[in-house]
C-alpha atoms as a PDB file:
ATOM      1  CA  UNK A   1      -0.899 119.285   8.939  1.00  0.00           C
ATOM      2  CA  UNK A   2      -0.697 116.295   6.597  1.00  0.00           C
ATOM      3  CA  UNK A   3       0.933 114.171   9.271  1.00  0.00           C
ATOM      4  CA  UNK A   4      -2.528 113.434  10.707  1.00  0.00           C
ATOM      5  CA  UNK A   5      -3.294 111.480   7.527  1.00  0.00           C
ATOM      6  CA  UNK A   6      -0.425 109.075   8.224  1.00  0.00           C
ATOM      7  CA  UNK A   7      -1.716 108.163  11.623  1.00  0.00           C
ATOM      8  CA  UNK A   8      -5.461 108.319  10.942  1.00  0.00           C
ATOM      9  CA  UNK A   9      -7.313 105.240  12.053  1.00  0.00           C
ATOM     10  CA  UNK A  10      -8.489 104.363   8.552  1.00  0.00           C
ATOM     11  CA  UNK A  11      -6.787 103.213   5.437  1.00  0.00           C
ATOM     12  CA  UNK A  12      -6.616 106.122   2.931  1.00  0.00           C
ATOM     13  CA  UNK A  13      -5.701 105.522  -0.753  1.00  0.00           C
ATOM     14  CA  UNK A  14      -5.621 108.234  -3.364  1.00  0.00           C
ATOM     15  CA  UNK A  15      -5.610 107.642  -7.119  1.00  0.00           C
ATOM     16  CA  UNK A  16      -5.369 110.004 -10.030  1.00  0.00           C
ATOM     17  CA  UNK A  17      -7.921 110.391 -12.894  1.00  0.00           C
ATOM     18  CA  UNK A  18      -6.159 107.449 -14.687  1.00  0.00           C
ATOM     19  CA  UNK A  19      -6.753 105.305 -11.614  1.00  0.00           C
ATOM     20  CA  UNK A  20      -2.973 105.152 -10.811  1.00  0.00           C
ATOM     21  CA  UNK A  21      -2.257 104.908  -7.060  1.00  0.00           C
ATOM     22  CA  UNK A  22      -0.702 108.199  -6.028  1.00  0.00           C
ATOM     23  CA  UNK A  23      -0.700 107.905  -2.268  1.00  0.00           C
ATOM     24  CA  UNK A  24      -1.359 105.424   0.514  1.00  0.00           C
ATOM     25  CA  UNK A  25      -1.180 106.234   4.268  1.00  0.00           C
ATOM     26  CA  UNK A  26       0.525 103.834   6.657  1.00  0.00           C
ATOM     27  CA  UNK A  27      -2.763 101.960   7.387  1.00  0.00           C
ATOM     28  CA  UNK A  28      -3.430 101.410   3.693  1.00  0.00           C
ATOM     29  CA  UNK A  29       0.205 100.255   3.118  1.00  0.00           C
ATOM     30  CA  UNK A  30      -0.223  97.836   5.984  1.00  0.00           C
ATOM     31  CA  UNK A  31      -3.675  96.599   4.741  1.00  0.00           C
ATOM     32  CA  UNK A  32      -2.277  95.822   1.336  1.00  0.00           C
ATOM     33  CA  UNK A  33       1.176  94.548   2.430  1.00  0.00           C
ATOM     34  CA  UNK A  34       0.497  91.060   1.018  1.00  0.00           C
ATOM     35  CA  UNK A  35      -0.321  92.599  -2.382  1.00  0.00           C
ATOM     36  CA  UNK A  36       2.892  94.596  -2.502  1.00  0.00           C
ATOM     37  CA  UNK A  37       2.366  97.482  -0.004  1.00  0.00           C
ATOM     38  CA  UNK A  38       4.616 100.407  -1.038  1.00  0.00           C
ATOM     39  CA  UNK A  39       5.206  98.636  -4.390  1.00  0.00           C
ATOM     40  CA  UNK A  40       1.603  99.418  -5.309  1.00  0.00           C
ATOM     41  CA  UNK A  41       2.358 103.137  -5.528  1.00  0.00           C
ATOM     42  CA  UNK A  42       2.367 104.279  -9.158  1.00  0.00           C
ATOM     43  CA  UNK A  43       0.498 101.170 -10.322  1.00  0.00           C
ATOM     44  CA  UNK A  44      -2.946 101.230 -12.007  1.00  0.00           C
ATOM     45  CA  UNK A  45      -5.813  99.744 -10.140  1.00  0.00           C
ATOM     46  CA  UNK A  46      -6.749  97.559 -13.064  1.00  0.00           C
ATOM     47  CA  UNK A  47      -4.129  95.048 -11.975  1.00  0.00           C
ATOM     48  CA  UNK A  48      -5.737  94.865  -8.494  1.00  0.00           C
ATOM     49  CA  UNK A  49      -9.464  95.016  -9.032  1.00  0.00           C
ATOM     50  CA  UNK A  50     -12.189  93.186 -10.949  1.00  0.00           C
ATOM     51  CA  UNK A  51     -13.904  94.772 -13.937  1.00  0.00           C
ATOM     52  CA  UNK A  52     -17.032  95.373 -11.853  1.00  0.00           C
ATOM     53  CA  UNK A  53     -14.939  97.452  -9.408  1.00  0.00           C
ATOM     54  CA  UNK A  54     -13.171  99.224 -12.175  1.00  0.00           C
ATOM     55  CA  UNK A  55     -16.537 100.210 -13.704  1.00  0.00           C
ATOM     56  CA  UNK A  56     -17.706 101.596 -10.422  1.00  0.00           C
ATOM     57  CA  UNK A  57     -14.527 103.704 -10.032  1.00  0.00           C
ATOM     58  CA  UNK A  58     -14.832 104.957 -13.554  1.00  0.00           C
ATOM     59  CA  UNK A  59     -18.470 105.928 -12.834  1.00  0.00           C
ATOM     60  CA  UNK A  60     -17.270 107.902  -9.728  1.00  0.00           C
ATOM     61  CA  UNK A  61     -14.769 109.796 -11.948  1.00  0.00           C
ATOM     62  CA  UNK A  62     -17.463 110.504 -14.655  1.00  0.00           C
ATOM     63  CA  UNK A  63     -20.388 111.467 -12.369  1.00  0.00           C
ATOM     64  CA  UNK A  64     -18.690 112.842  -9.342  1.00  0.00           C
ATOM     65  CA  UNK A  65     -21.047 110.719  -7.186  1.00  0.00           C
ATOM     66  CA  UNK A  66     -19.407 108.783  -4.305  1.00  0.00           C
ATOM     67  CA  UNK A  67     -19.821 105.090  -3.628  1.00  0.00           C
ATOM     68  CA  UNK A  68     -20.153 103.700  -0.096  1.00  0.00           C
ATOM     69  CA  UNK A  69     -20.550 100.179   1.096  1.00  0.00           C
ATOM     70  CA  UNK A  70     -19.504  97.629   3.769  1.00  0.00           C
ATOM     71  CA  UNK A  71     -17.408  94.552   3.496  1.00  0.00           C
ATOM     72  CA  UNK A  72     -16.286  91.670   5.568  1.00  0.00           C
ATOM     73  CA  UNK A  73     -12.748  90.448   5.024  1.00  0.00           C
ATOM     74  CA  UNK A  74     -10.585  88.316   7.331  1.00  0.00           C
ATOM     75  CA  UNK A  75     -13.178  88.521  10.103  1.00  0.00           C
ATOM     76  CA  UNK A  76     -13.189  92.311  10.066  1.00  0.00           C
ATOM     77  CA  UNK A  77     -16.075  94.412   9.000  1.00  0.00           C
ATOM     78  CA  UNK A  78     -15.241  97.638   7.143  1.00  0.00           C
ATOM     79  CA  UNK A  79     -17.024 100.651   5.772  1.00  0.00           C
ATOM     80  CA  UNK A  80     -15.584 101.725   2.420  1.00  0.00           C
ATOM     81  CA  UNK A  81     -16.193 105.208   1.061  1.00  0.00           C
ATOM     82  CA  UNK A  82     -14.869 106.182  -2.352  1.00  0.00           C
ATOM     83  CA  UNK A  83     -15.359 109.710  -3.566  1.00  0.00           C
ATOM     84  CA  UNK A  84     -13.814 112.027  -6.192  1.00  0.00           C
ATOM     85  CA  UNK A  85     -11.267 114.619  -5.255  1.00  0.00           C
ATOM     86  CA  UNK A  86     -11.023 117.891  -7.236  1.00  0.00           C
ATOM     87  CA  UNK A  87      -8.297 120.136  -8.325  1.00  0.00           C
ATOM     88  CA  UNK A  88      -9.268 123.566  -9.802  1.00  0.00           C
ATOM     89  CA  UNK A  89     -12.930 122.505  -9.774  1.00  0.00           C
ATOM     90  CA  UNK A  90     -12.419 119.422 -11.994  1.00  0.00           C
ATOM     91  CA  UNK A  91     -12.339 115.793 -10.830  1.00  0.00           C
ATOM     92  CA  UNK A  92      -8.627 114.860 -10.456  1.00  0.00           C
ATOM     93  CA  UNK A  93      -9.056 111.291  -9.112  1.00  0.00           C
ATOM     94  CA  UNK A  94     -10.640 109.431  -6.262  1.00  0.00           C
ATOM     95  CA  UNK A  95      -9.954 108.856  -2.600  1.00  0.00           C
ATOM     96  CA  UNK A  96     -10.908 105.694  -0.694  1.00  0.00           C
ATOM     97  CA  UNK A  97     -11.337 105.577   3.092  1.00  0.00           C
ATOM     98  CA  UNK A  98     -11.551 101.969   4.465  1.00  0.00           C
ATOM     99  CA  UNK A  99     -12.637 102.165   8.161  1.00  0.00           C
ATOM    100  CA  UNK A 100     -12.901  99.174  10.434  1.00  0.00           C
ATOM    101  CA  UNK A 101     -16.246  99.187  12.107  1.00  0.00           C
ATOM    102  CA  UNK A 102     -17.955  97.094  14.889  1.00  0.00           C
ATOM    103  CA  UNK A 103     -20.272  94.237  13.915  1.00  0.00           C
ATOM    104  CA  UNK A 104     -23.073  95.937  15.782  1.00  0.00           C
ATOM    105  CA  UNK A 105     -23.029  99.561  14.767  1.00  0.00           C
ATOM    106  CA  UNK A 106     -25.180 102.172  16.560  1.00  0.00           C
ATOM    107  CA  UNK A 107     -27.484 104.234  14.416  1.00  0.00           C
ATOM    108  CA  UNK A 108     -28.973 107.538  15.442  1.00  0.00           C
ATOM    109  CA  UNK A 109     -31.835 109.396  13.722  1.00  0.00           C
ATOM    110  CA  UNK A 110     -31.397 113.087  14.492  1.00  0.00           C
ATOM    111  CA  UNK A 111     -33.456 116.128  13.468  1.00  0.00           C
END
């Protein structure tokens, strides 16, 4: 069943509670190729992110509240969703989904 993660259309990165990269699917490895790709596994995010970003991730771990935003990078618009993952009911780290989205995104209000 885990094979679907490798071929999923979004970059998926998983870090532990110490913000050390534990897993990156193929899309994430490709997206971060110029930063080291597979060599990033086992590294702490502090070497890759600003203090502002690190503070947001620490807050996710402390509060259990996810963080979602959009970015533009290299002419591509992405939706980034960072959320805690749990093991035995306790926060064990966080997972980030980075999904390429169209510039004009449909929005539906449903009841």
